[in-house]
Amino acid sequence: QVQLVESGGGLVQAGGSLRLSCAASLRTFGRYVMGWFRQAPGKEREFVAVISWGGLTTEYADSVKGRFTISRDNAKNMVYLQMNSLKTEDAAVYYCAAEEREVTRRQEDYEFWGQGTQVTVSS
C-alpha cells in the first residue's frame, strides 16, 4: 500500500521559514516524480513545486520562485519543501504527490497523494 505522509507544518510569522517533509512508502521511490501542491481555504488546490526522479530538474510556481526550494533524498524515500520568506498568502494545506511518468504541474497526472499538512502564516 502506497503512503505519502507529510509533516513539518505549523504556525509561523510572516518572513519566517518552515521545512516540510514527505515520507513515501514507494518501493521504487527513485523512479517517481514528486510534487508539492497547496490548497488555501475557499480556493482550488494549486501547484507549488516539482522535482524529477534524480533531482536534476525542478520547477516552481511563480508565486514561490526564489523563496521555496524542493529537494529529495532517494536513499531515505523523502522529499522536502524548504519555505523561506513566508507570506500570509502562503497559508494553506500542503500536499505531496507522486507520479511515474514525467515532470508535470498538472494535478490530474499524479497517482498518489498525501493527507496534507497545515501551514499557517501570521502577519
C-alpha atoms as a PDB file:
ATOM      1  CA  GLN A   1       0.000   0.000   0.000  1.00  0.00           C
ATOM      2  CA  VAL A   2       1.425   3.339  -1.065  1.00  0.00           C
ATOM      3  CA  GLN A   3       1.540   6.039   1.562  1.00  0.00           C
ATOM      4  CA  LEU A   4       2.734   9.608   1.432  1.00  0.00           C
ATOM      5  CA  VAL A   5       2.933  11.284   4.827  1.00  0.00           C
ATOM      6  CA  GLU A   6       3.617  14.985   5.128  1.00  0.00           C
ATOM      7  CA  SER A   7       4.990  16.667   8.236  1.00  0.00           C
ATOM      8  CA  GLY A   8       6.576  19.916   9.300  1.00  0.00           C
ATOM      9  CA  GLY A   9       3.618  22.237   9.024  1.00  0.00           C
ATOM     10  CA  GLY A  10       2.723  24.691  11.740  1.00  0.00           C
ATOM     11  CA  LEU A  11       2.332  28.319  12.681  1.00  0.00           C
ATOM     12  CA  VAL A  12       4.997  30.797  11.623  1.00  0.00           C
ATOM     13  CA  GLN A  13       5.220  34.563  11.427  1.00  0.00           C
ATOM     14  CA  ALA A  14       5.412  36.281   8.086  1.00  0.00           C
ATOM     15  CA  GLY A  15       9.014  36.386   6.969  1.00  0.00           C
ATOM     16  CA  GLY A  16       9.813  33.150   8.740  1.00  0.00           C
ATOM     17  CA  SER A  17      10.701  29.712   7.446  1.00  0.00           C
ATOM     18  CA  LEU A  18       9.377  26.180   7.565  1.00  0.00           C
ATOM     19  CA  ARG A  19      10.615  22.921   6.142  1.00  0.00           C
ATOM     20  CA  LEU A  20       8.020  20.416   5.047  1.00  0.00           C
ATOM     21  CA  SER A  21       8.850  16.749   4.701  1.00  0.00           C
ATOM     22  CA  CYS A  22       7.107  13.953   2.876  1.00  0.00           C
ATOM     23  CA  ALA A  23       7.866  10.321   3.644  1.00  0.00           C
ATOM     24  CA  ALA A  24       6.974   7.918   0.852  1.00  0.00           C
ATOM     25  CA  SER A  25       6.389   4.203   1.143  1.00  0.00           C
ATOM     26  CA  LEU A  26       7.076   3.724  -2.543  1.00  0.00           C
ATOM     27  CA  ARG A  27       9.315   0.723  -3.186  1.00  0.00           C
ATOM     28  CA  THR A  28      10.854   2.402  -6.235  1.00  0.00           C
ATOM     29  CA  PHE A  29      10.799   5.933  -4.904  1.00  0.00           C
ATOM     30  CA  GLY A  30      13.678   6.987  -7.131  1.00  0.00           C
ATOM     31  CA  ARG A  31      11.507   6.366 -10.197  1.00  0.00           C
ATOM     32  CA  TYR A  32       8.778   8.782  -9.130  1.00  0.00           C
ATOM     33  CA  VAL A  33       8.441  12.451  -9.885  1.00  0.00           C
ATOM     34  CA  MET A  34       7.433  14.228  -6.687  1.00  0.00           C
ATOM     35  CA  GLY A  35       5.350  17.348  -6.442  1.00  0.00           C
ATOM     36  CA  TRP A  36       4.079  19.732  -3.789  1.00  0.00           C
ATOM     37  CA  PHE A  37       0.669  21.348  -4.054  1.00  0.00           C
ATOM     38  CA  ARG A  38      -1.327  23.550  -1.709  1.00  0.00           C
ATOM     39  CA  GLN A  39      -4.914  24.493  -1.043  1.00  0.00           C
ATOM     40  CA  ALA A  40      -5.971  27.590   0.823  1.00  0.00           C
ATOM     41  CA  PRO A  41      -9.469  27.946   2.302  1.00  0.00           C
ATOM     42  CA  GLY A  42     -12.015  28.728  -0.382  1.00  0.00           C
ATOM     43  CA  LYS A  43      -9.504  28.220  -3.177  1.00  0.00           C
ATOM     44  CA  GLU A  44      -8.645  25.437  -5.552  1.00  0.00           C
ATOM     45  CA  ARG A  45      -5.609  23.288  -4.991  1.00  0.00           C
ATOM     46  CA  GLU A  46      -2.629  24.676  -6.872  1.00  0.00           C
ATOM     47  CA  PHE A  47       0.813  23.594  -7.974  1.00  0.00           C
ATOM     48  CA  VAL A  48       3.774  24.693  -5.856  1.00  0.00           C
ATOM     49  CA  ALA A  49       6.876  22.744  -6.933  1.00  0.00           C
ATOM     50  CA  VAL A  50       8.010  19.557  -8.636  1.00  0.00           C
ATOM     51  CA  ILE A  51      11.247  17.581  -8.741  1.00  0.00           C
ATOM     52  CA  SER A  52      12.375  14.923 -11.179  1.00  0.00           C
ATOM     53  CA  TRP A  53      13.453  11.377 -10.311  1.00  0.00           C
ATOM     54  CA  GLY A  54      17.098  12.226  -9.779  1.00  0.00           C
ATOM     55  CA  GLY A  55      16.525  15.746  -8.563  1.00  0.00           C
ATOM     56  CA  LEU A  56      18.199  17.440 -11.514  1.00  0.00           C
ATOM     57  CA  THR A  57      15.034  19.138 -12.726  1.00  0.00           C
ATOM     58  CA  THR A  58      12.865  21.358 -10.566  1.00  0.00           C
ATOM     59  CA  GLU A  59      10.029  23.715 -11.365  1.00  0.00           C
ATOM     60  CA  TYR A  60       8.218  26.242  -9.223  1.00  0.00           C
ATOM     61  CA  ALA A  61       5.071  28.273  -9.300  1.00  0.00           C
ATOM     62  CA  ASP A  62       5.857  31.908  -9.966  1.00  0.00           C
ATOM     63  CA  SER A  63       4.397  32.843  -6.583  1.00  0.00           C
ATOM     64  CA  VAL A  64       7.052  30.852  -4.696  1.00  0.00           C
ATOM     65  CA  LYS A  65      10.043  31.053  -7.020  1.00  0.00           C
ATOM     66  CA  GLY A  66      13.118  32.302  -5.199  1.00  0.00           C
ATOM     67  CA  ARG A  67      11.594  31.607  -1.782  1.00  0.00           C
ATOM     68  CA  PHE A  68      10.830  27.864  -1.811  1.00  0.00           C
ATOM     69  CA  THR A  69      13.196  25.007  -2.594  1.00  0.00           C
ATOM     70  CA  ILE A  70      12.180  21.438  -3.341  1.00  0.00           C
ATOM     71  CA  SER A  71      14.661  18.619  -2.776  1.00  0.00           C
ATOM     72  CA  ARG A  72      14.688  14.875  -2.324  1.00  0.00           C
ATOM     73  CA  ASP A  73      16.717  12.116  -0.716  1.00  0.00           C
ATOM     74  CA  ASN A  74      16.128   8.919  -2.635  1.00  0.00           C
ATOM     75  CA  ALA A  75      18.076   6.855  -0.111  1.00  0.00           C
ATOM     76  CA  LYS A  76      15.564   7.858   2.561  1.00  0.00           C
ATOM     77  CA  ASN A  77      12.423   7.980   0.388  1.00  0.00           C
ATOM     78  CA  MET A  78      11.948  11.608   1.368  1.00  0.00           C
ATOM     79  CA  VAL A  79      11.041  14.811  -0.406  1.00  0.00           C
ATOM     80  CA  TYR A  80      11.294  18.236   1.193  1.00  0.00           C
ATOM     81  CA  LEU A  81       9.997  21.736   0.683  1.00  0.00           C
ATOM     82  CA  GLN A  82      12.066  24.472   2.283  1.00  0.00           C
ATOM     83  CA  MET A  83       9.920  27.572   2.561  1.00  0.00           C
ATOM     84  CA  ASN A  84      11.601  30.898   3.321  1.00  0.00           C
ATOM     85  CA  SER A  85      10.308  34.454   3.497  1.00  0.00           C
ATOM     86  CA  LEU A  86       6.817  33.152   4.110  1.00  0.00           C
ATOM     87  CA  LYS A  87       3.896  35.406   3.348  1.00  0.00           C
ATOM     88  CA  THR A  88       0.360  35.318   4.695  1.00  0.00           C
ATOM     89  CA  GLU A  89      -0.803  34.216   1.269  1.00  0.00           C
ATOM     90  CA  ASP A  90       1.319  31.054   1.605  1.00  0.00           C
ATOM     91  CA  ALA A  91      -1.013  29.772   4.316  1.00  0.00           C
ATOM     92  CA  ALA A  92      -2.644  26.572   3.103  1.00  0.00           C
ATOM     93  CA  VAL A  93      -2.741  22.822   3.460  1.00  0.00           C
ATOM     94  CA  TYR A  94       0.316  21.475   1.650  1.00  0.00           C
ATOM     95  CA  TYR A  95       0.206  18.121  -0.101  1.00  0.00           C
ATOM     96  CA  CYS A  96       2.918  15.991  -1.605  1.00  0.00           C
ATOM     97  CA  ALA A  97       2.159  13.804  -4.584  1.00  0.00           C
ATOM     98  CA  ALA A  98       3.895  11.207  -6.728  1.00  0.00           C
ATOM     99  CA  GLU A  99       3.704  10.098 -10.328  1.00  0.00           C
ATOM    100  CA  GLU A 100       5.879   7.910 -12.556  1.00  0.00           C
ATOM    101  CA  ARG A 101       5.786   9.446 -15.992  1.00  0.00           C
ATOM    102  CA  GLU A 102       7.186  12.947 -16.309  1.00  0.00           C
ATOM    103  CA  VAL A 103       7.793  16.263 -14.609  1.00  0.00           C
ATOM    104  CA  THR A 104       4.396  17.914 -14.603  1.00  0.00           C
ATOM    105  CA  ARG A 105       2.415  20.654 -12.882  1.00  0.00           C
ATOM    106  CA  ARG A 106      -0.929  19.012 -13.648  1.00  0.00           C
ATOM    107  CA  GLN A 107      -2.643  17.597 -10.597  1.00  0.00           C
ATOM    108  CA  GLU A 108      -4.502  15.032 -12.651  1.00  0.00           C
ATOM    109  CA  ASP A 109      -1.203  13.433 -13.646  1.00  0.00           C
ATOM    110  CA  TYR A 110      -0.337  12.486 -10.079  1.00  0.00           C
ATOM    111  CA  GLU A 111      -1.231   8.983  -8.920  1.00  0.00           C
ATOM    112  CA  PHE A 112      -0.599   9.167  -5.195  1.00  0.00           C
ATOM    113  CA  TRP A 113      -1.342  11.880  -2.654  1.00  0.00           C
ATOM    114  CA  GLY A 114      -0.671  12.505   0.991  1.00  0.00           C
ATOM    115  CA  GLN A 115      -3.184  13.767   3.519  1.00  0.00           C
ATOM    116  CA  GLY A 116      -1.621  17.187   3.791  1.00  0.00           C
ATOM    117  CA  THR A 117      -0.021  19.344   6.454  1.00  0.00           C
ATOM    118  CA  GLN A 118      -1.327  22.725   7.550  1.00  0.00           C
ATOM    119  CA  VAL A 119       0.823  25.822   7.220  1.00  0.00           C
ATOM    120  CA  THR A 120      -0.408  28.956   8.957  1.00  0.00           C
ATOM    121  CA  VAL A 121       1.347  32.281   8.497  1.00  0.00           C
ATOM    122  CA  SER A 122       0.577  35.124  10.863  1.00  0.00           C
ATOM    123  CA  SER A 123       1.083  38.773   9.997  1.00  0.00           C
END
